[in-house]
Amino acid sequence: MTNPITITRAGSRPSAEAPAEHFTGHVRFDPLFDASAAAPFSGAYVTFEPGARTAWHTHPAGQHLVVTAGVGRVQEWGKPVEEIRAGDVVWVAPGVKHWHGASPAVAMTHIHLTGALAGQGAEWLEKVSDGQYGQ
């Protein structure tokens, strides 16, 4: 049996650089919690330096992004780029092809709350071109 209340102390989980195969630019992950059988979603602070962004991707169980600092961008495939700012909450429905990241001149941090199905939280696709990012 797991503990009914678990506290993970700030700083107890190391920061990590985002993998270059799925991101453009400098992106840092500060993990909060992993998905489990009882709670099939994960969470992390993700900080994008100016111009940094994810590749195109989808989430089988959707994703919430809570922007905590800075100015960013998000885009659904085939739709215009949207600006997002601290305090904004973004919902990406399951299976929607999208990307997100910082604005060209200002860093952006968000908390991601990402659902998982069969242990998978994301399907990574092609990188976002400079032309797509700059729209």
N, C-alpha and C. Protein backbone atom coordinates (compact mmCIF):
# COMPACT_ATOMS: atom_id res chain seq x y z
N MET A 1 0.85 -1.18 0.00
CA MET A 1 0.00 0.00 0.00
C MET A 1 0.89 1.24 0.00
N THR A 2 0.51 2.21 -0.81
CA THR A 2 1.27 3.46 -0.84
C THR A 2 0.81 4.38 0.27
N ASN A 3 1.62 5.35 0.56
CA ASN A 3 1.27 6.34 1.58
C ASN A 3 0.09 7.18 1.08
N PRO A 4 -0.86 7.51 1.95
CA PRO A 4 -1.99 8.33 1.52
C PRO A 4 -1.59 9.77 1.20
N ILE A 5 -0.51 10.26 1.81
CA ILE A 5 0.02 11.59 1.50
C ILE A 5 1.53 11.45 1.33
N THR A 6 2.03 11.96 0.21
CA THR A 6 3.47 11.93 -0.07
C THR A 6 3.91 13.35 -0.38
N ILE A 7 4.98 13.78 0.24
CA ILE A 7 5.55 15.10 -0.04
C ILE A 7 6.89 14.89 -0.73
N THR A 8 7.03 15.48 -1.90
CA THR A 8 8.30 15.48 -2.60
C THR A 8 8.91 16.86 -2.40
N ARG A 9 10.01 16.90 -1.71
CA ARG A 9 10.62 18.17 -1.34
C ARG A 9 11.21 18.89 -2.55
N ALA A 10 11.03 20.20 -2.59
CA ALA A 10 11.61 21.03 -3.64
C ALA A 10 13.10 20.77 -3.71
N GLY A 11 13.60 20.61 -4.92
CA GLY A 11 15.02 20.37 -5.13
C GLY A 11 15.45 18.94 -4.98
N SER A 12 14.52 18.03 -4.67
CA SER A 12 14.89 16.63 -4.48
C SER A 12 14.97 15.85 -5.79
N ARG A 13 14.46 16.44 -6.88
CA ARG A 13 14.53 15.79 -8.19
C ARG A 13 15.37 16.69 -9.10
N PRO A 14 16.39 16.16 -9.73
CA PRO A 14 17.29 17.01 -10.52
C PRO A 14 16.65 17.55 -11.79
N SER A 15 17.08 18.74 -12.18
CA SER A 15 16.68 19.31 -13.46
C SER A 15 17.34 18.50 -14.58
N ALA A 16 16.72 18.57 -15.76
CA ALA A 16 17.27 17.86 -16.91
C ALA A 16 17.11 18.70 -18.16
N GLU A 17 18.07 18.59 -19.06
CA GLU A 17 17.99 19.23 -20.36
C GLU A 17 17.03 18.42 -21.23
N ALA A 18 16.16 19.10 -21.96
CA ALA A 18 15.23 18.41 -22.86
C ALA A 18 16.00 17.76 -24.00
N PRO A 19 15.55 16.61 -24.47
CA PRO A 19 16.28 15.92 -25.55
C PRO A 19 16.21 16.69 -26.87
N ALA A 20 17.37 16.89 -27.50
CA ALA A 20 17.45 17.67 -28.75
C ALA A 20 16.62 17.06 -29.87
N GLU A 21 16.35 15.77 -29.83
CA GLU A 21 15.56 15.15 -30.90
C GLU A 21 14.11 15.63 -30.89
N HIS A 22 13.62 16.13 -29.75
CA HIS A 22 12.22 16.56 -29.64
C HIS A 22 12.06 18.07 -29.40
N PHE A 23 13.17 18.81 -29.29
CA PHE A 23 13.12 20.22 -28.96
C PHE A 23 14.13 21.00 -29.78
N THR A 24 13.84 22.27 -30.00
CA THR A 24 14.76 23.20 -30.64
C THR A 24 15.12 24.25 -29.61
N GLY A 25 16.41 24.52 -29.43
CA GLY A 25 16.84 25.52 -28.47
C GLY A 25 17.04 24.93 -27.08
N HIS A 26 17.28 25.80 -26.12
CA HIS A 26 17.56 25.37 -24.74
C HIS A 26 16.26 25.25 -23.96
N VAL A 27 15.98 24.04 -23.48
CA VAL A 27 14.76 23.76 -22.71
C VAL A 27 15.15 22.92 -21.49
N ARG A 28 14.69 23.35 -20.31
CA ARG A 28 15.00 22.65 -19.06
C ARG A 28 13.72 22.08 -18.45
N PHE A 29 13.79 20.83 -18.00
CA PHE A 29 12.69 20.17 -17.29
C PHE A 29 13.03 20.12 -15.80
N ASP A 30 12.07 20.50 -14.97
CA ASP A 30 12.15 20.32 -13.53
C ASP A 30 10.96 19.45 -13.14
N PRO A 31 11.19 18.13 -13.02
CA PRO A 31 10.06 17.21 -12.81
C PRO A 31 9.38 17.43 -11.47
N LEU A 32 8.05 17.30 -11.49
CA LEU A 32 7.25 17.39 -10.28
C LEU A 32 6.79 16.00 -9.83
N PHE A 33 6.21 15.23 -10.75
CA PHE A 33 5.76 13.87 -10.43
C PHE A 33 5.59 13.08 -11.72
N ASP A 34 5.70 11.75 -11.58
CA ASP A 34 5.54 10.84 -12.70
C ASP A 34 4.13 10.27 -12.72
N ALA A 35 3.72 9.78 -13.87
CA ALA A 35 2.44 9.09 -13.99
C ALA A 35 2.52 7.77 -13.20
N SER A 36 1.38 7.35 -12.68
CA SER A 36 1.30 6.07 -11.97
C SER A 36 -0.02 5.40 -12.33
N ALA A 37 -0.20 4.18 -11.88
CA ALA A 37 -1.45 3.48 -12.15
C ALA A 37 -2.63 4.20 -11.49
N ALA A 38 -2.40 4.75 -10.30
CA ALA A 38 -3.48 5.43 -9.57
C ALA A 38 -3.76 6.83 -10.12
N ALA A 39 -2.76 7.47 -10.71
CA ALA A 39 -2.90 8.83 -11.24
C ALA A 39 -2.14 8.87 -12.57
N PRO A 40 -2.82 8.53 -13.68
CA PRO A 40 -2.12 8.39 -14.97
C PRO A 40 -1.84 9.71 -15.67
N PHE A 41 -1.10 10.58 -14.99
CA PHE A 41 -0.66 11.84 -15.58
C PHE A 41 0.61 12.28 -14.87
N SER A 42 1.44 13.02 -15.59
CA SER A 42 2.70 13.50 -15.04
C SER A 42 2.69 15.02 -15.01
N GLY A 43 3.63 15.59 -14.27
CA GLY A 43 3.74 17.04 -14.19
C GLY A 43 5.18 17.47 -14.09
N ALA A 44 5.48 18.63 -14.67
CA ALA A 44 6.83 19.20 -14.60
C ALA A 44 6.76 20.69 -14.91
N TYR A 45 7.71 21.43 -14.35
CA TYR A 45 7.97 22.78 -14.83
C TYR A 45 8.85 22.62 -16.07
N VAL A 46 8.53 23.35 -17.12
CA VAL A 46 9.35 23.32 -18.33
C VAL A 46 9.68 24.77 -18.68
N THR A 47 10.97 25.07 -18.77
CA THR A 47 11.42 26.43 -19.08
C THR A 47 12.06 26.44 -20.46
N PHE A 48 11.53 27.29 -21.33
CA PHE A 48 12.01 27.47 -22.69
C PHE A 48 12.73 28.82 -22.77
N GLU A 49 13.99 28.82 -23.18
CA GLU A 49 14.70 30.07 -23.42
C GLU A 49 14.12 30.72 -24.68
N PRO A 50 14.34 32.02 -24.90
CA PRO A 50 13.79 32.66 -26.09
C PRO A 50 14.07 31.87 -27.37
N GLY A 51 13.03 31.67 -28.18
CA GLY A 51 13.14 30.94 -29.43
C GLY A 51 13.06 29.43 -29.31
N ALA A 52 13.14 28.90 -28.11
CA ALA A 52 13.10 27.44 -27.92
C ALA A 52 11.66 26.93 -28.02
N ARG A 53 11.52 25.67 -28.47
CA ARG A 53 10.19 25.11 -28.69
C ARG A 53 10.24 23.60 -28.77
N THR A 54 9.07 22.99 -28.64
CA THR A 54 8.95 21.56 -28.84
C THR A 54 8.92 21.26 -30.33
N ALA A 55 9.02 19.99 -30.67
CA ALA A 55 8.68 19.51 -32.01
C ALA A 55 7.15 19.37 -32.06
N TRP A 56 6.62 19.17 -33.24
CA TRP A 56 5.20 18.82 -33.34
C TRP A 56 4.99 17.52 -32.58
N HIS A 57 3.87 17.41 -31.89
CA HIS A 57 3.59 16.19 -31.14
C HIS A 57 2.11 16.10 -30.81
N THR A 58 1.69 14.94 -30.33
CA THR A 58 0.32 14.72 -29.86
C THR A 58 0.40 14.07 -28.48
N HIS A 59 -0.73 14.08 -27.78
CA HIS A 59 -0.84 13.41 -26.48
C HIS A 59 -2.05 12.49 -26.52
N PRO A 60 -1.88 11.20 -26.23
CA PRO A 60 -3.01 10.28 -26.32
C PRO A 60 -4.11 10.56 -25.29
N ALA A 61 -3.74 11.21 -24.17
CA ALA A 61 -4.74 11.51 -23.14
C ALA A 61 -4.84 13.01 -22.86
N GLY A 62 -4.31 13.85 -23.75
CA GLY A 62 -4.42 15.29 -23.60
C GLY A 62 -3.36 15.87 -22.68
N GLN A 63 -3.35 17.22 -22.65
CA GLN A 63 -2.36 17.93 -21.84
C GLN A 63 -2.90 19.31 -21.45
N HIS A 64 -2.66 19.67 -20.19
CA HIS A 64 -2.87 21.04 -19.74
C HIS A 64 -1.51 21.71 -19.60
N LEU A 65 -1.42 22.97 -20.00
CA LEU A 65 -0.24 23.79 -19.78
C LEU A 65 -0.68 24.99 -18.95
N VAL A 66 0.00 25.24 -17.85
CA VAL A 66 -0.28 26.39 -16.99
C VAL A 66 0.95 27.29 -17.09
N VAL A 67 0.81 28.41 -17.79
CA VAL A 67 1.95 29.31 -18.00
C VAL A 67 2.20 30.07 -16.69
N THR A 68 3.41 29.93 -16.16
CA THR A 68 3.73 30.53 -14.87
C THR A 68 4.63 31.76 -15.00
N ALA A 69 5.33 31.91 -16.13
CA ALA A 69 6.21 33.07 -16.31
C ALA A 69 6.46 33.29 -17.80
N GLY A 70 6.63 34.56 -18.15
CA GLY A 70 7.08 34.89 -19.49
C GLY A 70 5.99 34.93 -20.55
N VAL A 71 6.45 34.82 -21.81
CA VAL A 71 5.59 34.88 -22.98
C VAL A 71 5.95 33.71 -23.89
N GLY A 72 4.93 33.01 -24.34
CA GLY A 72 5.18 31.86 -25.20
C GLY A 72 4.28 31.83 -26.40
N ARG A 73 4.36 30.71 -27.09
CA ARG A 73 3.56 30.47 -28.28
C ARG A 73 3.06 29.03 -28.25
N VAL A 74 1.89 28.83 -28.84
CA VAL A 74 1.34 27.49 -29.03
C VAL A 74 0.64 27.49 -30.38
N GLN A 75 0.67 26.35 -31.07
CA GLN A 75 0.01 26.27 -32.37
C GLN A 75 -0.55 24.87 -32.57
N GLU A 76 -1.79 24.82 -33.00
CA GLU A 76 -2.42 23.58 -33.47
C GLU A 76 -2.16 23.49 -34.96
N TRP A 77 -1.89 22.29 -35.45
CA TRP A 77 -1.61 22.06 -36.86
C TRP A 77 -2.72 22.68 -37.71
N GLY A 78 -2.32 23.51 -38.69
CA GLY A 78 -3.27 24.12 -39.60
C GLY A 78 -3.95 25.38 -39.10
N LYS A 79 -3.62 25.81 -37.88
CA LYS A 79 -4.22 27.01 -37.29
C LYS A 79 -3.11 28.04 -37.04
N PRO A 80 -3.49 29.30 -36.78
CA PRO A 80 -2.47 30.33 -36.51
C PRO A 80 -1.76 30.11 -35.18
N VAL A 81 -0.55 30.64 -35.09
CA VAL A 81 0.21 30.65 -33.84
C VAL A 81 -0.53 31.55 -32.85
N GLU A 82 -0.64 31.11 -31.59
CA GLU A 82 -1.29 31.89 -30.53
C GLU A 82 -0.23 32.28 -29.49
N GLU A 83 -0.29 33.53 -29.03
CA GLU A 83 0.59 33.97 -27.94
C GLU A 83 -0.03 33.56 -26.61
N ILE A 84 0.81 33.07 -25.70
CA ILE A 84 0.36 32.72 -24.35
C ILE A 84 1.25 33.45 -23.34
N ARG A 85 0.64 33.81 -22.21
CA ARG A 85 1.34 34.60 -21.19
C ARG A 85 1.12 34.01 -19.81
N ALA A 86 1.94 34.45 -18.85
CA ALA A 86 1.81 34.00 -17.47
C ALA A 86 0.36 34.15 -17.02
N GLY A 87 -0.16 33.10 -16.42
CA GLY A 87 -1.56 33.06 -15.96
C GLY A 87 -2.48 32.35 -16.92
N ASP A 88 -2.08 32.20 -18.19
CA ASP A 88 -2.92 31.48 -19.16
C ASP A 88 -2.86 29.98 -18.89
N VAL A 89 -3.97 29.31 -19.18
CA VAL A 89 -4.05 27.85 -19.10
C VAL A 89 -4.47 27.35 -20.48
N VAL A 90 -3.70 26.42 -21.02
CA VAL A 90 -3.95 25.87 -22.34
C VAL A 90 -4.36 24.41 -22.18
N TRP A 91 -5.44 24.00 -22.84
CA TRP A 91 -5.84 22.59 -22.90
C TRP A 91 -5.62 22.11 -24.32
N VAL A 92 -4.91 21.01 -24.47
CA VAL A 92 -4.70 20.36 -25.76
C VAL A 92 -5.41 19.01 -25.68
N ALA A 93 -6.44 18.84 -26.49
CA ALA A 93 -7.25 17.62 -26.46
C ALA A 93 -6.44 16.42 -26.98
N PRO A 94 -6.83 15.22 -26.59
CA PRO A 94 -6.13 14.02 -27.06
C PRO A 94 -6.03 13.98 -28.58
N GLY A 95 -4.83 13.62 -29.06
CA GLY A 95 -4.61 13.42 -30.48
C GLY A 95 -4.39 14.66 -31.31
N VAL A 96 -4.42 15.86 -30.72
CA VAL A 96 -4.28 17.11 -31.47
C VAL A 96 -2.78 17.38 -31.71
N LYS A 97 -2.41 17.52 -32.99
CA LYS A 97 -1.03 17.82 -33.36
C LYS A 97 -0.75 19.29 -33.06
N HIS A 98 0.30 19.55 -32.28
CA HIS A 98 0.60 20.91 -31.83
C HIS A 98 2.06 21.04 -31.43
N TRP A 99 2.47 22.26 -31.14
CA TRP A 99 3.76 22.55 -30.53
C TRP A 99 3.59 23.73 -29.58
N HIS A 100 4.57 23.94 -28.69
CA HIS A 100 4.56 25.09 -27.80
C HIS A 100 5.98 25.43 -27.42
N GLY A 101 6.19 26.69 -27.03
CA GLY A 101 7.51 27.13 -26.65
C GLY A 101 7.52 28.61 -26.30
N ALA A 102 8.72 29.17 -26.19
CA ALA A 102 8.89 30.57 -25.82
C ALA A 102 8.68 31.47 -27.03
N SER A 103 8.49 32.75 -26.74
CA SER A 103 8.46 33.75 -27.81
C SER A 103 9.90 33.98 -28.29
N PRO A 104 10.08 34.68 -29.41
CA PRO A 104 11.44 34.91 -29.90
C PRO A 104 12.33 35.71 -28.95
N ALA A 105 11.75 36.62 -28.15
CA ALA A 105 12.57 37.52 -27.34
C ALA A 105 12.46 37.29 -25.84
N VAL A 106 11.47 36.50 -25.38
CA VAL A 106 11.21 36.33 -23.95
C VAL A 106 11.08 34.84 -23.62
N ALA A 107 11.73 34.41 -22.54
CA ALA A 107 11.61 33.02 -22.08
C ALA A 107 10.19 32.76 -21.58
N MET A 108 9.83 31.48 -21.46
CA MET A 108 8.51 31.10 -20.96
C MET A 108 8.64 29.82 -20.13
N THR A 109 7.98 29.81 -18.99
CA THR A 109 7.90 28.61 -18.16
C THR A 109 6.44 28.22 -18.02
N HIS A 110 6.18 26.92 -18.16
CA HIS A 110 4.83 26.41 -17.89
C HIS A 110 4.94 25.14 -17.07
N ILE A 111 3.86 24.83 -16.38
CA ILE A 111 3.70 23.51 -15.76
C ILE A 111 2.94 22.68 -16.76
N HIS A 112 3.45 21.49 -17.07
CA HIS A 112 2.66 20.61 -17.92
C HIS A 112 2.03 19.53 -17.05
N LEU A 113 0.78 19.25 -17.31
CA LEU A 113 0.04 18.15 -16.69
C LEU A 113 -0.41 17.29 -17.86
N THR A 114 0.28 16.17 -18.06
CA THR A 114 0.11 15.37 -19.26
C THR A 114 -0.43 14.00 -18.91
N GLY A 115 -1.57 13.66 -19.51
CA GLY A 115 -2.15 12.34 -19.32
C GLY A 115 -1.34 11.27 -20.03
N ALA A 116 -1.46 10.03 -19.56
CA ALA A 116 -0.76 8.91 -20.17
C ALA A 116 -1.75 7.77 -20.41
N LEU A 117 -1.61 7.12 -21.54
CA LEU A 117 -2.36 5.91 -21.87
C LEU A 117 -1.36 4.81 -22.17
N ALA A 118 -1.53 3.68 -21.52
CA ALA A 118 -0.60 2.55 -21.70
C ALA A 118 0.85 2.99 -21.52
N GLY A 119 1.08 3.90 -20.56
CA GLY A 119 2.42 4.35 -20.24
C GLY A 119 2.99 5.39 -21.18
N GLN A 120 2.23 5.81 -22.19
CA GLN A 120 2.73 6.79 -23.16
C GLN A 120 2.07 8.14 -22.94
N GLY A 121 2.91 9.19 -22.85
CA GLY A 121 2.40 10.54 -22.65
C GLY A 121 2.41 11.39 -23.91
N ALA A 122 3.28 11.05 -24.87
CA ALA A 122 3.39 11.86 -26.09
C ALA A 122 3.84 11.00 -27.25
N GLU A 123 3.41 11.40 -28.43
CA GLU A 123 3.94 10.86 -29.68
C GLU A 123 4.64 12.02 -30.38
N TRP A 124 5.95 11.88 -30.54
CA TRP A 124 6.76 12.96 -31.12
C TRP A 124 6.81 12.83 -32.63
N LEU A 125 6.70 13.98 -33.30
CA LEU A 125 6.66 14.05 -34.75
C LEU A 125 7.81 14.93 -35.24
N GLU A 126 7.68 15.55 -36.40
CA GLU A 126 8.76 16.34 -36.99
C GLU A 126 8.99 17.64 -36.21
N LYS A 127 10.18 18.19 -36.38
CA LYS A 127 10.50 19.47 -35.75
C LYS A 127 9.73 20.61 -36.41
N VAL A 128 9.48 21.65 -35.63
CA VAL A 128 8.83 22.87 -36.10
C VAL A 128 9.89 23.68 -36.86
N SER A 129 9.59 24.04 -38.10
CA SER A 129 10.55 24.82 -38.89
C SER A 129 10.59 26.26 -38.38
N ASP A 130 11.65 26.97 -38.74
CA ASP A 130 11.73 28.39 -38.38
C ASP A 130 10.57 29.17 -39.00
N GLY A 131 10.16 28.80 -40.20
CA GLY A 131 9.02 29.45 -40.85
C GLY A 131 7.73 29.22 -40.10
N GLN A 132 7.48 28.00 -39.64
CA GLN A 132 6.27 27.71 -38.87
C GLN A 132 6.30 28.46 -37.54
N TYR A 133 7.47 28.49 -36.88
CA TYR A 133 7.61 29.17 -35.60
C TYR A 133 7.36 30.67 -35.75
N GLY A 134 7.83 31.25 -36.83
CA GLY A 134 7.75 32.68 -37.01
C GLY A 134 6.42 33.21 -37.53
N GLN A 135 5.45 32.35 -37.78
CA GLN A 135 4.16 32.78 -38.34
C GLN A 135 3.51 33.85 -37.50
